[in-house]
């Protein structure tokens, strides 16, 4: 589990642990509702670089591993640059958006909604 910035773990899930945002709480709840096995912020070592995908998900039928990153402040230039760097790290290590990496985004004015999460869960795990 990611131990950096524990003070930002503010939103309690139905499983009793805390996540960093309301959007992550929604993703967690919907994955749980669909009985899709996952872990929150597990360490993933990519050629010596430790990253902590928001969710590491095991496909319930074929057992393939997927990662889900939610970029919740993509309208913040510094945050967006870090997001691009993180995406580059994933891609350099064979983890590709819309193949085995699910990505969601939001801005201050355009929050992530449950319909988007539901659609992605159905697309990747049905």
N, C-alpha and C. Protein backbone atom coordinates (compact mmCIF):
# COMPACT_ATOMS: atom_id res chain seq x y z
N UNK A 1 0.84 -1.18 0.00
CA UNK A 1 0.00 0.00 0.00
C UNK A 1 0.88 1.24 0.00
N UNK A 2 0.39 2.27 -0.67
CA UNK A 2 1.11 3.54 -0.75
C UNK A 2 1.06 4.23 0.61
N UNK A 3 2.23 4.51 1.16
CA UNK A 3 2.29 5.15 2.48
C UNK A 3 2.49 6.66 2.40
N UNK A 4 2.64 7.20 1.19
CA UNK A 4 2.84 8.65 1.10
C UNK A 4 1.50 9.38 1.24
N UNK A 5 1.54 10.48 1.90
CA UNK A 5 0.39 11.37 2.13
C UNK A 5 -0.80 10.65 2.75
N UNK A 6 -0.60 9.99 3.90
CA UNK A 6 -1.72 9.30 4.54
C UNK A 6 -2.83 10.25 4.97
N UNK A 7 -2.49 11.52 5.14
CA UNK A 7 -3.49 12.50 5.55
C UNK A 7 -4.56 12.73 4.49
N UNK A 8 -4.27 12.34 3.25
CA UNK A 8 -5.26 12.54 2.19
C UNK A 8 -6.20 11.35 2.03
N UNK A 9 -6.01 10.31 2.83
CA UNK A 9 -6.92 9.17 2.83
C UNK A 9 -8.11 9.52 3.72
N UNK A 10 -9.14 10.11 3.13
CA UNK A 10 -10.24 10.70 3.91
C UNK A 10 -11.59 10.02 3.74
N UNK A 11 -11.74 9.19 2.73
CA UNK A 11 -13.06 8.68 2.38
C UNK A 11 -13.13 7.17 2.66
N UNK A 12 -13.95 6.79 3.63
CA UNK A 12 -14.03 5.40 4.07
C UNK A 12 -14.88 4.57 3.11
N UNK A 13 -14.34 3.43 2.70
CA UNK A 13 -15.05 2.53 1.78
C UNK A 13 -15.94 1.58 2.57
N UNK A 14 -16.75 0.82 1.84
CA UNK A 14 -17.61 -0.17 2.50
C UNK A 14 -16.79 -1.30 3.12
N UNK A 15 -15.53 -1.42 2.72
CA UNK A 15 -14.65 -2.45 3.27
C UNK A 15 -13.89 -1.96 4.49
N UNK A 16 -14.02 -0.68 4.81
CA UNK A 16 -13.42 -0.15 6.03
C UNK A 16 -12.07 0.53 5.87
N UNK A 17 -11.51 0.56 4.67
CA UNK A 17 -10.26 1.29 4.47
C UNK A 17 -10.59 2.63 3.82
N UNK A 18 -9.58 3.47 3.70
CA UNK A 18 -9.79 4.83 3.21
C UNK A 18 -9.14 5.03 1.85
N UNK A 19 -9.81 5.84 1.01
CA UNK A 19 -9.29 6.23 -0.29
C UNK A 19 -9.15 7.74 -0.32
N UNK A 20 -8.52 8.25 -1.37
CA UNK A 20 -8.12 9.65 -1.40
C UNK A 20 -9.19 10.62 -1.93
N UNK A 21 -10.17 10.11 -2.66
CA UNK A 21 -11.15 11.03 -3.24
C UNK A 21 -12.52 10.40 -3.31
N UNK A 22 -13.51 11.25 -3.48
CA UNK A 22 -14.88 10.75 -3.65
C UNK A 22 -15.00 9.95 -4.93
N UNK A 23 -14.26 10.32 -5.95
CA UNK A 23 -14.30 9.57 -7.21
C UNK A 23 -13.72 8.18 -7.03
N UNK A 24 -12.62 8.07 -6.30
CA UNK A 24 -12.07 6.75 -6.00
C UNK A 24 -13.05 5.93 -5.17
N UNK A 25 -13.76 6.59 -4.29
CA UNK A 25 -14.79 5.91 -3.49
C UNK A 25 -15.89 5.36 -4.41
N UNK A 26 -16.29 6.13 -5.41
CA UNK A 26 -17.29 5.66 -6.37
C UNK A 26 -16.77 4.45 -7.16
N UNK A 27 -15.54 4.53 -7.64
CA UNK A 27 -14.95 3.41 -8.38
C UNK A 27 -14.91 2.17 -7.49
N UNK A 28 -14.42 2.33 -6.28
CA UNK A 28 -14.35 1.24 -5.32
C UNK A 28 -15.72 0.61 -5.11
N UNK A 29 -16.72 1.44 -4.90
CA UNK A 29 -18.08 0.95 -4.62
C UNK A 29 -18.66 0.19 -5.80
N UNK A 30 -18.44 0.71 -7.00
CA UNK A 30 -19.00 0.06 -8.19
C UNK A 30 -18.28 -1.24 -8.49
N UNK A 31 -16.97 -1.27 -8.35
CA UNK A 31 -16.24 -2.54 -8.51
C UNK A 31 -16.75 -3.56 -7.50
N UNK A 32 -16.93 -3.14 -6.26
CA UNK A 32 -17.43 -4.04 -5.21
C UNK A 32 -18.84 -4.53 -5.53
N UNK A 33 -19.69 -3.62 -5.97
CA UNK A 33 -21.07 -3.96 -6.30
C UNK A 33 -21.13 -5.04 -7.38
N UNK A 34 -20.19 -4.98 -8.32
CA UNK A 34 -20.15 -5.96 -9.41
C UNK A 34 -19.31 -7.19 -9.07
N UNK A 35 -18.84 -7.25 -7.80
CA UNK A 35 -18.04 -8.39 -7.31
C UNK A 35 -16.78 -8.62 -8.16
N UNK A 36 -16.15 -7.54 -8.51
CA UNK A 36 -14.91 -7.59 -9.28
C UNK A 36 -13.75 -7.46 -8.29
N UNK A 37 -12.87 -8.47 -8.23
CA UNK A 37 -11.78 -8.43 -7.25
C UNK A 37 -10.73 -7.37 -7.59
N UNK A 38 -10.35 -6.61 -6.57
CA UNK A 38 -9.37 -5.54 -6.78
C UNK A 38 -8.65 -5.24 -5.49
N UNK A 39 -7.56 -4.51 -5.64
CA UNK A 39 -6.79 -3.98 -4.51
C UNK A 39 -6.60 -2.48 -4.76
N UNK A 40 -6.51 -1.75 -3.68
CA UNK A 40 -6.32 -0.30 -3.76
C UNK A 40 -4.86 0.05 -3.48
N UNK A 41 -4.29 0.84 -4.37
CA UNK A 41 -2.93 1.38 -4.23
C UNK A 41 -1.88 0.34 -3.86
N UNK A 42 -1.86 -0.76 -4.56
CA UNK A 42 -0.80 -1.77 -4.36
C UNK A 42 0.44 -1.35 -5.15
N UNK A 43 1.59 -1.59 -4.57
CA UNK A 43 2.85 -1.23 -5.23
C UNK A 43 3.05 -2.09 -6.47
N UNK A 44 3.44 -1.44 -7.54
CA UNK A 44 3.77 -2.10 -8.79
C UNK A 44 5.16 -1.62 -9.19
N UNK A 45 6.11 -2.55 -9.31
CA UNK A 45 7.48 -2.19 -9.67
C UNK A 45 7.63 -2.30 -11.18
N UNK A 46 7.94 -1.19 -11.82
CA UNK A 46 8.12 -1.14 -13.27
C UNK A 46 9.56 -0.74 -13.57
N UNK A 47 10.39 -1.72 -13.82
CA UNK A 47 11.82 -1.48 -14.10
C UNK A 47 12.47 -0.57 -13.07
N UNK A 48 12.27 -0.89 -11.81
CA UNK A 48 12.90 -0.14 -10.73
C UNK A 48 12.14 1.08 -10.28
N UNK A 49 11.02 1.39 -10.91
CA UNK A 49 10.20 2.53 -10.51
C UNK A 49 8.95 1.99 -9.82
N UNK A 50 8.72 2.42 -8.60
CA UNK A 50 7.52 2.01 -7.87
C UNK A 50 6.38 2.96 -8.19
N UNK A 51 5.29 2.41 -8.69
CA UNK A 51 4.07 3.18 -8.90
C UNK A 51 2.96 2.52 -8.09
N UNK A 52 1.94 3.27 -7.82
CA UNK A 52 0.83 2.78 -7.02
C UNK A 52 -0.47 3.03 -7.79
N UNK A 53 -0.82 2.12 -8.69
CA UNK A 53 -2.08 2.33 -9.41
C UNK A 53 -3.23 2.46 -8.41
N UNK A 54 -4.17 3.31 -8.73
CA UNK A 54 -5.31 3.47 -7.81
C UNK A 54 -5.95 2.11 -7.54
N UNK A 55 -6.16 1.35 -8.60
CA UNK A 55 -6.77 0.04 -8.45
C UNK A 55 -6.03 -0.98 -9.31
N UNK A 56 -5.75 -2.13 -8.72
CA UNK A 56 -5.24 -3.29 -9.44
C UNK A 56 -6.39 -4.28 -9.45
N UNK A 57 -6.83 -4.68 -10.63
CA UNK A 57 -8.07 -5.42 -10.78
C UNK A 57 -7.80 -6.76 -11.46
N UNK A 58 -8.41 -7.80 -10.93
CA UNK A 58 -8.33 -9.12 -11.55
C UNK A 58 -9.65 -9.38 -12.27
N UNK A 59 -9.56 -9.57 -13.58
CA UNK A 59 -10.77 -9.83 -14.36
C UNK A 59 -11.48 -11.06 -13.78
N UNK A 60 -12.76 -10.95 -13.48
CA UNK A 60 -13.45 -12.06 -12.81
C UNK A 60 -13.60 -13.32 -13.65
N UNK A 61 -13.47 -13.22 -14.96
CA UNK A 61 -13.64 -14.40 -15.82
C UNK A 61 -12.31 -14.97 -16.31
N UNK A 62 -11.46 -14.13 -16.88
CA UNK A 62 -10.22 -14.66 -17.47
C UNK A 62 -8.99 -14.42 -16.59
N UNK A 63 -9.16 -13.75 -15.47
CA UNK A 63 -8.11 -13.52 -14.46
C UNK A 63 -6.96 -12.65 -14.93
N UNK A 64 -7.13 -11.94 -16.05
CA UNK A 64 -6.11 -10.97 -16.48
C UNK A 64 -6.07 -9.82 -15.48
N UNK A 65 -4.91 -9.20 -15.38
CA UNK A 65 -4.73 -8.07 -14.48
C UNK A 65 -4.90 -6.77 -15.26
N UNK A 66 -5.69 -5.87 -14.69
CA UNK A 66 -5.91 -4.54 -15.23
C UNK A 66 -5.55 -3.53 -14.14
N UNK A 67 -5.21 -2.34 -14.58
CA UNK A 67 -4.94 -1.24 -13.65
C UNK A 67 -5.89 -0.11 -13.98
N UNK A 68 -6.27 0.64 -12.94
CA UNK A 68 -7.17 1.78 -13.13
C UNK A 68 -6.53 2.97 -12.44
N UNK A 69 -6.30 3.99 -13.22
CA UNK A 69 -5.80 5.26 -12.69
C UNK A 69 -6.87 6.32 -12.88
N UNK A 70 -7.19 6.99 -11.79
CA UNK A 70 -8.11 8.12 -11.88
C UNK A 70 -7.30 9.40 -11.69
N UNK A 71 -7.36 10.26 -12.67
CA UNK A 71 -6.65 11.54 -12.62
C UNK A 71 -7.68 12.63 -12.30
N UNK A 72 -7.72 13.01 -11.03
CA UNK A 72 -8.81 13.83 -10.53
C UNK A 72 -8.60 15.33 -10.60
N UNK A 73 -7.43 15.78 -11.00
CA UNK A 73 -7.20 17.23 -11.08
C UNK A 73 -6.50 17.55 -12.39
N UNK A 74 -6.99 16.98 -13.46
CA UNK A 74 -6.30 17.06 -14.74
C UNK A 74 -6.25 18.49 -15.29
N UNK A 75 -7.03 19.39 -14.72
CA UNK A 75 -6.99 20.79 -15.12
C UNK A 75 -5.89 21.58 -14.40
N UNK A 76 -5.17 20.94 -13.49
CA UNK A 76 -4.04 21.55 -12.80
C UNK A 76 -2.78 21.21 -13.59
N UNK A 77 -2.08 22.21 -14.15
CA UNK A 77 -0.93 21.93 -15.03
C UNK A 77 0.14 21.04 -14.41
N UNK A 78 0.50 21.26 -13.17
CA UNK A 78 1.51 20.44 -12.51
C UNK A 78 1.03 18.99 -12.37
N UNK A 79 -0.21 18.84 -11.95
CA UNK A 79 -0.81 17.51 -11.81
C UNK A 79 -0.87 16.82 -13.17
N UNK A 80 -1.26 17.55 -14.21
CA UNK A 80 -1.35 16.98 -15.57
C UNK A 80 0.02 16.51 -16.04
N UNK A 81 1.06 17.28 -15.78
CA UNK A 81 2.41 16.86 -16.16
C UNK A 81 2.82 15.57 -15.45
N UNK A 82 2.48 15.47 -14.16
CA UNK A 82 2.78 14.24 -13.42
C UNK A 82 1.98 13.07 -13.99
N UNK A 83 0.73 13.32 -14.38
CA UNK A 83 -0.11 12.28 -14.97
C UNK A 83 0.49 11.78 -16.27
N UNK A 84 0.96 12.70 -17.10
CA UNK A 84 1.58 12.32 -18.37
C UNK A 84 2.83 11.48 -18.11
N UNK A 85 3.62 11.87 -17.14
CA UNK A 85 4.82 11.12 -16.79
C UNK A 85 4.46 9.71 -16.32
N UNK A 86 3.42 9.60 -15.51
CA UNK A 86 2.99 8.30 -15.02
C UNK A 86 2.48 7.43 -16.17
N UNK A 87 1.73 8.03 -17.09
CA UNK A 87 1.25 7.29 -18.26
C UNK A 87 2.43 6.80 -19.11
N UNK A 88 3.43 7.64 -19.25
CA UNK A 88 4.63 7.25 -20.01
C UNK A 88 5.30 6.04 -19.35
N UNK A 89 5.39 6.05 -18.04
CA UNK A 89 5.98 4.92 -17.32
C UNK A 89 5.19 3.64 -17.57
N UNK A 90 3.88 3.73 -17.50
CA UNK A 90 3.05 2.56 -17.79
C UNK A 90 3.30 2.05 -19.21
N UNK A 91 3.20 2.94 -20.18
CA UNK A 91 3.35 2.56 -21.59
C UNK A 91 4.72 1.94 -21.85
N UNK A 92 5.75 2.52 -21.26
CA UNK A 92 7.12 2.00 -21.43
C UNK A 92 7.28 0.59 -20.88
N UNK A 93 6.32 0.18 -20.07
CA UNK A 93 6.39 -1.13 -19.44
C UNK A 93 5.25 -2.06 -19.88
N UNK A 94 4.68 -1.78 -21.04
CA UNK A 94 3.68 -2.68 -21.62
C UNK A 94 2.31 -2.61 -21.01
N UNK A 95 2.01 -1.53 -20.32
CA UNK A 95 0.67 -1.33 -19.75
C UNK A 95 0.06 -0.16 -20.49
N UNK A 96 -0.97 -0.48 -21.29
CA UNK A 96 -1.48 0.48 -22.27
C UNK A 96 -2.90 0.94 -21.96
N UNK A 97 -3.13 2.27 -22.06
CA UNK A 97 -4.49 2.78 -21.89
C UNK A 97 -5.46 2.10 -22.86
N UNK A 98 -6.62 1.79 -22.34
CA UNK A 98 -7.72 1.15 -23.07
C UNK A 98 -7.42 -0.28 -23.48
N UNK A 99 -6.30 -0.84 -23.02
CA UNK A 99 -6.02 -2.26 -23.24
C UNK A 99 -5.98 -2.96 -21.88
N UNK A 100 -5.00 -2.60 -21.05
CA UNK A 100 -4.94 -3.16 -19.70
C UNK A 100 -4.78 -2.05 -18.64
N UNK A 101 -4.99 -0.82 -19.08
CA UNK A 101 -4.99 0.33 -18.17
C UNK A 101 -6.24 1.15 -18.44
N UNK A 102 -7.08 1.23 -17.43
CA UNK A 102 -8.28 2.06 -17.50
C UNK A 102 -7.92 3.41 -16.91
N UNK A 103 -8.26 4.47 -17.61
CA UNK A 103 -7.99 5.81 -17.08
C UNK A 103 -9.28 6.61 -17.08
N UNK A 104 -9.45 7.37 -16.02
CA UNK A 104 -10.55 8.32 -15.93
C UNK A 104 -9.98 9.66 -15.50
N UNK A 105 -10.71 10.70 -15.84
CA UNK A 105 -10.24 12.06 -15.63
C UNK A 105 -11.38 12.93 -15.13
N UNK A 106 -11.01 13.97 -14.40
CA UNK A 106 -12.00 14.98 -14.05
C UNK A 106 -11.31 16.31 -13.80
N UNK A 107 -12.11 17.34 -13.87
CA UNK A 107 -11.66 18.70 -13.57
C UNK A 107 -12.54 19.24 -12.45
N UNK A 108 -12.21 20.44 -12.01
CA UNK A 108 -13.03 21.09 -11.00
C UNK A 108 -14.49 21.20 -11.45
N UNK A 109 -14.67 21.51 -12.72
CA UNK A 109 -16.01 21.75 -13.25
C UNK A 109 -16.67 20.53 -13.87
N UNK A 110 -15.89 19.49 -14.14
CA UNK A 110 -16.44 18.29 -14.79
C UNK A 110 -16.04 17.06 -13.96
N UNK A 111 -16.86 16.71 -12.96
CA UNK A 111 -16.51 15.57 -12.11
C UNK A 111 -16.79 14.23 -12.81
N UNK A 112 -16.13 13.21 -12.31
CA UNK A 112 -16.40 11.84 -12.76
C UNK A 112 -17.78 11.44 -12.25
N UNK A 113 -18.54 10.74 -13.08
CA UNK A 113 -19.87 10.33 -12.64
C UNK A 113 -20.03 8.81 -12.68
N UNK A 114 -21.04 8.33 -12.00
CA UNK A 114 -21.25 6.89 -11.89
C UNK A 114 -21.57 6.25 -13.24
N UNK A 115 -22.22 6.96 -14.14
CA UNK A 115 -22.51 6.39 -15.46
C UNK A 115 -21.23 6.06 -16.21
N UNK A 116 -20.24 6.93 -16.13
CA UNK A 116 -18.96 6.68 -16.78
C UNK A 116 -18.28 5.45 -16.17
N UNK A 117 -18.27 5.37 -14.86
CA UNK A 117 -17.65 4.22 -14.19
C UNK A 117 -18.37 2.94 -14.56
N UNK A 118 -19.68 2.96 -14.50
CA UNK A 118 -20.48 1.77 -14.87
C UNK A 118 -20.18 1.33 -16.30
N UNK A 119 -20.12 2.29 -17.21
CA UNK A 119 -19.84 1.97 -18.62
C UNK A 119 -18.48 1.31 -18.78
N UNK A 120 -17.48 1.83 -18.08
CA UNK A 120 -16.14 1.25 -18.16
C UNK A 120 -16.09 -0.14 -17.54
N UNK A 121 -16.77 -0.33 -16.43
CA UNK A 121 -16.81 -1.65 -15.80
C UNK A 121 -17.45 -2.66 -16.75
N UNK A 122 -18.55 -2.28 -17.38
CA UNK A 122 -19.20 -3.18 -18.34
C UNK A 122 -18.31 -3.45 -19.54
N UNK A 123 -17.66 -2.41 -20.06
CA UNK A 123 -16.80 -2.56 -21.22
C UNK A 123 -15.64 -3.53 -20.96
N UNK A 124 -14.98 -3.38 -19.82
CA UNK A 124 -13.79 -4.17 -19.55
C UNK A 124 -14.05 -5.51 -18.86
N UNK A 125 -15.15 -5.63 -18.11
CA UNK A 125 -15.30 -6.81 -17.26
C UNK A 125 -16.57 -7.63 -17.49
N UNK A 126 -17.35 -7.29 -18.50
CA UNK A 126 -18.56 -8.09 -18.78
C UNK A 126 -18.25 -9.20 -19.74
